[in-house]
Amino acid sequence: MKGVACTASADHLNTLAAYRKGESDLLYRDGMWFLIATCDLPDVPVRTPDGFTGVDLGIANVATATSTGAATGGGVRYSGKALNAVRHRHRELRRRLQAKKTKSAKRLLKKRRRKEARFAADINHTIARRIVTEAARTGQGIALEDLQGIRDRVRLRKPQRVTLHSWSFHQLGRFIACKAARAGVAVLHVDPAHTSQACSACGHIDKNNRPDQARFACTSCGFAEHADVNAARNIASRGVTSWAVSHAA
């Protein structure tokens, strides 16, 4: 087939026209048609970063990013409250459909599973785009936690475990890395150990520094901040150190 009409964002249409490579697939799913095309984009040189944006991934807040690389900078939190409410409704609907065990229920389950996957991917795309756009605007790199094995390391209450195991942290990190590569933004993965317990002002590490999920209050110097913002600052600081070590003359 030739000359198949399709619609997309202006950026995607321009990319498709300039960099499409090989054949494209036309896919019919859930009453809609999708054009799946491979595009071969040229490499963008990675710019030397002027500091790093630290990104802390979590459950209450899907992601928290430092607004500057400085220890005194603020943070931007992408709340997971509304997001988790939607996922809870999906989970309850799946439970009821699974209990019915009918053919129609199984068809609905399959359809809902794809819908939930698209929902999660859309949220991750949006967050990744905002983080990369801000990093590119400020000339910074992006520091992420190395979350390999997070599901085995973290100990949470049962409701939080369900959310942790169902949310795609890896996908969000992959989206950030992909968009950063297209923008020439440096991305580093750093050791996540004690990022939530260490004070971003004085470096003191103590589990009592975090009295609850949202608050951070250093027992040594008295520094207080939202816990996720404090963790994001620690990640940003480790990004600066890792870049300096890996690019030392």
Protein backbone atom coordinates (compact mmCIF):
# COMPACT_ATOMS: atom_id res chain seq x y z
CA MET A 1 0.00 0.00 0.00
CA LYS A 2 1.22 3.49 -0.84
CA GLY A 3 0.00 6.94 0.09
CA VAL A 4 -1.75 5.86 3.32
CA ALA A 5 -3.00 9.00 5.09
CA CYS A 6 -2.08 9.29 8.76
CA THR A 7 -2.12 11.91 11.49
CA ALA A 8 0.26 12.65 14.36
CA SER A 9 1.88 15.59 16.11
CA ALA A 10 3.77 18.05 13.89
CA ASP A 11 7.08 16.84 15.37
CA HIS A 12 6.30 13.19 14.63
CA LEU A 13 5.15 13.96 11.09
CA ASN A 14 8.35 15.90 10.38
CA THR A 15 10.45 13.06 11.82
CA LEU A 16 8.55 10.51 9.75
CA ALA A 17 9.06 12.50 6.55
CA ALA A 18 12.77 13.07 7.14
CA TYR A 19 14.03 9.87 8.77
CA ARG A 20 11.71 6.95 7.97
CA LYS A 21 13.68 3.80 7.25
CA GLY A 22 12.40 0.58 5.68
CA GLU A 23 8.82 -0.62 5.66
CA SER A 24 6.05 0.47 7.99
CA ASP A 25 3.39 -1.69 9.65
CA LEU A 26 -0.31 -0.87 9.65
CA LEU A 27 -1.89 -2.29 12.81
CA TYR A 28 -5.59 -2.61 13.69
CA ARG A 29 -6.31 -2.77 17.41
CA ASP A 30 -9.39 -2.05 19.54
CA GLY A 31 -11.24 -0.45 16.61
CA MET A 32 -8.36 1.87 15.66
CA TRP A 33 -5.60 1.87 13.06
CA PHE A 34 -1.97 2.57 13.99
CA LEU A 35 0.99 3.20 11.69
CA ILE A 36 4.21 1.80 13.17
CA ALA A 37 7.27 3.20 11.41
CA THR A 38 10.99 2.90 12.13
CA CYS A 39 12.97 6.13 11.93
CA ASP A 40 16.77 6.30 11.84
CA LEU A 41 17.72 9.56 13.54
CA PRO A 42 21.24 11.03 13.38
CA ASP A 43 23.30 11.08 16.57
CA VAL A 44 23.22 14.34 18.53
CA PRO A 45 26.51 15.23 20.29
CA VAL A 46 26.13 15.19 24.08
CA ARG A 47 26.83 18.64 25.50
CA THR A 48 29.08 19.06 28.53
CA PRO A 49 26.55 19.66 31.30
CA ASP A 50 26.52 22.71 33.54
CA GLY A 51 25.52 20.77 36.64
CA PHE A 52 22.91 18.03 36.90
CA THR A 53 19.16 17.75 37.43
CA GLY A 54 18.56 15.00 39.98
CA VAL A 55 15.46 12.84 39.49
CA ASP A 56 14.03 10.82 42.39
CA LEU A 57 11.47 8.17 41.39
CA GLY A 58 8.83 7.11 43.88
CA ILE A 59 5.24 6.11 44.61
CA ALA A 60 3.61 9.10 46.36
CA ASN A 61 5.38 11.28 43.79
CA VAL A 62 6.08 9.49 40.52
CA ALA A 63 9.14 11.68 39.99
CA THR A 64 10.76 14.62 41.76
CA ALA A 65 13.32 16.68 39.87
CA THR A 66 15.61 19.41 41.19
CA SER A 67 14.94 22.73 39.46
CA THR A 68 18.65 23.60 39.64
CA GLY A 69 21.79 21.60 40.35
CA ALA A 70 22.69 23.75 43.36
CA ALA A 71 22.11 22.40 46.85
CA THR A 72 19.90 25.40 47.60
CA GLY A 73 17.70 24.89 44.55
CA GLY A 74 14.04 23.88 44.65
CA GLY A 75 12.31 20.86 43.20
CA VAL A 76 9.41 19.95 40.94
CA ARG A 77 7.20 17.07 42.10
CA TYR A 78 5.03 15.06 39.73
CA SER A 79 2.35 13.85 42.11
CA GLY A 80 1.15 10.26 41.94
CA LYS A 81 -2.06 10.82 43.94
CA ALA A 82 -4.48 11.09 41.01
CA LEU A 83 -2.43 8.56 39.07
CA ASN A 84 -2.59 5.96 41.83
CA ALA A 85 -6.34 6.53 42.21
CA VAL A 86 -6.85 5.64 38.55
CA ARG A 87 -4.64 2.57 38.88
CA HIS A 88 -6.62 1.49 41.96
CA ARG A 89 -9.87 1.69 39.97
CA HIS A 90 -8.31 -0.38 37.19
CA ARG A 91 -7.10 -2.93 39.72
CA GLU A 92 -10.54 -3.28 41.30
CA LEU A 93 -12.16 -3.69 37.88
CA ARG A 94 -9.64 -6.40 36.95
CA ARG A 95 -10.40 -8.22 40.20
CA ARG A 96 -14.16 -8.26 39.48
CA LEU A 97 -13.67 -9.37 35.88
CA GLN A 98 -11.28 -12.14 36.90
CA ALA A 99 -13.84 -13.44 39.38
CA LYS A 100 -16.47 -13.85 36.61
CA LYS A 101 -14.28 -16.12 34.45
CA THR A 102 -16.54 -15.70 31.40
CA LYS A 103 -15.37 -15.27 27.79
CA SER A 104 -16.67 -11.70 27.67
CA ALA A 105 -14.89 -10.93 30.95
CA LYS A 106 -11.63 -12.30 29.53
CA ARG A 107 -12.02 -10.12 26.42
CA LEU A 108 -12.61 -7.08 28.59
CA LEU A 109 -9.59 -7.94 30.73
CA LYS A 110 -7.37 -8.06 27.66
CA LYS A 111 -8.73 -4.73 26.43
CA ARG A 112 -8.34 -3.10 29.86
CA ARG A 113 -4.77 -4.39 30.15
CA ARG A 114 -3.79 -2.63 26.91
CA LYS A 115 -5.62 0.51 27.98
CA GLU A 116 -3.77 0.61 31.29
CA ALA A 117 -0.44 0.09 29.53
CA ARG A 118 -1.18 3.04 27.21
CA PHE A 119 -2.21 5.14 30.21
CA ALA A 120 1.05 4.42 32.04
CA ALA A 121 3.15 5.06 28.93
CA ASP A 122 1.41 8.40 28.31
CA ILE A 123 2.11 9.55 31.88
CA ASN A 124 5.74 8.46 31.62
CA HIS A 125 6.15 10.19 28.25
CA THR A 126 4.76 13.45 29.65
CA ILE A 127 7.00 13.42 32.74
CA ALA A 128 10.08 12.45 30.72
CA ARG A 129 9.46 15.21 28.17
CA ARG A 130 9.13 17.89 30.86
CA ILE A 131 12.28 16.78 32.67
CA VAL A 132 14.37 16.63 29.49
CA THR A 133 13.02 19.96 28.20
CA GLU A 134 13.97 21.71 31.45
CA ALA A 135 17.42 20.09 31.51
CA ALA A 136 18.05 21.16 27.91
CA ARG A 137 16.86 24.70 28.64
CA THR A 138 19.23 25.08 31.60
CA GLY A 139 22.16 23.26 29.97
CA GLN A 140 22.24 20.57 32.65
CA GLY A 141 22.58 16.81 32.53
CA ILE A 142 20.16 14.38 34.17
CA ALA A 143 21.09 12.09 37.06
CA LEU A 144 18.86 9.06 37.72
CA GLU A 145 18.99 6.39 40.39
CA ASP A 146 20.21 3.00 39.25
CA LEU A 147 17.04 1.11 40.14
CA GLN A 148 18.11 -2.38 39.05
CA GLY A 149 16.51 -4.78 41.53
CA ILE A 150 14.37 -2.13 43.26
CA ARG A 151 11.47 -4.59 43.62
CA ASP A 152 13.71 -6.97 45.57
CA ARG A 153 15.35 -4.30 47.75
CA VAL A 154 12.39 -2.21 48.89
CA ARG A 155 10.27 -3.26 51.89
CA LEU A 156 6.79 -1.71 51.86
CA ARG A 157 3.28 -2.28 53.17
CA LYS A 158 1.11 -4.53 51.01
CA PRO A 159 -0.91 -1.72 49.29
CA GLN A 160 2.33 0.06 48.36
CA ARG A 161 3.92 -3.20 47.17
CA VAL A 162 1.10 -3.64 44.66
CA THR A 163 1.68 -0.11 43.34
CA LEU A 164 5.46 -0.58 43.23
CA HIS A 165 5.25 -3.85 41.28
CA SER A 166 2.71 -2.45 38.81
CA TRP A 167 4.42 0.85 38.01
CA SER A 168 7.03 0.90 35.24
CA PHE A 169 10.01 2.77 36.74
CA HIS A 170 12.24 1.23 34.09
CA GLN A 171 10.02 2.58 31.30
CA LEU A 172 10.15 6.12 32.70
CA GLY A 173 13.93 5.96 32.95
CA ARG A 174 14.13 4.60 29.38
CA PHE A 175 11.90 7.40 28.07
CA ILE A 176 14.07 10.02 29.80
CA ALA A 177 17.25 8.49 28.34
CA CYS A 178 15.74 8.30 24.84
CA LYS A 179 14.47 11.89 24.81
CA ALA A 180 17.71 13.14 26.36
CA ALA A 181 19.74 11.45 23.58
CA ARG A 182 17.69 13.28 20.95
CA ALA A 183 18.29 16.59 22.76
CA GLY A 184 22.02 16.06 23.39
CA VAL A 185 21.50 15.97 27.17
CA ALA A 186 23.87 13.84 29.26
CA VAL A 187 22.27 11.10 31.40
CA LEU A 188 23.97 9.28 34.29
CA HIS A 189 22.77 6.52 36.61
CA VAL A 190 24.07 6.82 40.16
CA ASP A 191 24.13 4.63 43.27
CA PRO A 192 20.77 5.06 45.06
CA ALA A 193 22.09 3.99 48.48
CA HIS A 194 20.97 6.31 51.31
CA THR A 195 19.72 9.06 48.97
CA SER A 196 16.55 9.29 51.07
CA GLN A 197 18.38 9.26 54.44
CA ALA A 198 21.34 11.55 53.68
CA CYS A 199 21.13 15.30 54.29
CA SER A 200 21.73 17.25 51.07
CA ALA A 201 23.06 20.18 53.13
CA CYS A 202 25.61 18.53 55.46
CA GLY A 203 25.78 14.90 54.25
CA HIS A 204 24.75 13.35 57.59
CA ILE A 205 23.12 9.91 57.11
CA ASP A 206 20.55 8.68 59.60
CA LYS A 207 17.28 6.79 59.13
CA ASN A 208 15.77 9.15 61.72
CA ASN A 209 16.37 12.04 59.30
CA ARG A 210 13.14 10.99 57.61
CA PRO A 211 10.40 10.90 60.27
CA ASP A 212 7.69 10.11 57.70
CA GLN A 213 7.18 9.67 53.96
CA ALA A 214 7.02 13.37 53.07
CA ARG A 215 9.30 15.10 55.61
CA PHE A 216 13.07 15.28 55.86
CA ALA A 217 14.63 16.86 58.96
CA CYS A 218 18.36 16.42 59.53
CA THR A 219 19.15 15.34 63.11
CA SER A 220 22.62 16.88 62.81
CA CYS A 221 22.29 20.33 61.20
CA GLY A 222 18.53 20.86 61.39
CA PHE A 223 18.04 21.23 57.62
CA ALA A 224 14.41 20.57 56.65
CA GLU A 225 12.88 19.94 53.23
CA HIS A 226 10.39 17.74 51.43
CA ALA A 227 11.93 14.26 51.54
CA ASP A 228 11.73 13.65 47.78
CA VAL A 229 13.30 17.03 46.97
CA ASN A 230 16.14 16.28 49.39
CA ALA A 231 16.70 12.89 47.72
CA ALA A 232 16.68 14.49 44.27
CA ARG A 233 19.40 16.93 45.41
CA ASN A 234 21.54 14.04 46.62
CA ILE A 235 21.11 12.34 43.25
CA ALA A 236 22.08 15.56 41.44
CA SER A 237 25.19 15.88 43.59
CA ARG A 238 26.21 12.29 42.83
CA GLY A 239 25.68 13.01 39.13
CA VAL A 240 28.15 15.91 39.30
CA THR A 241 30.71 13.70 41.10
CA SER A 242 30.28 10.78 38.70
CA TRP A 243 30.67 13.03 35.66
CA ALA A 244 33.83 14.61 37.10
CA VAL A 245 35.34 11.17 37.81
CA SER A 246 34.43 9.66 34.44
CA HIS A 247 35.67 12.70 32.49
CA ALA A 248 38.79 13.49 34.49
CA ALA A 249 41.76 14.42 32.33
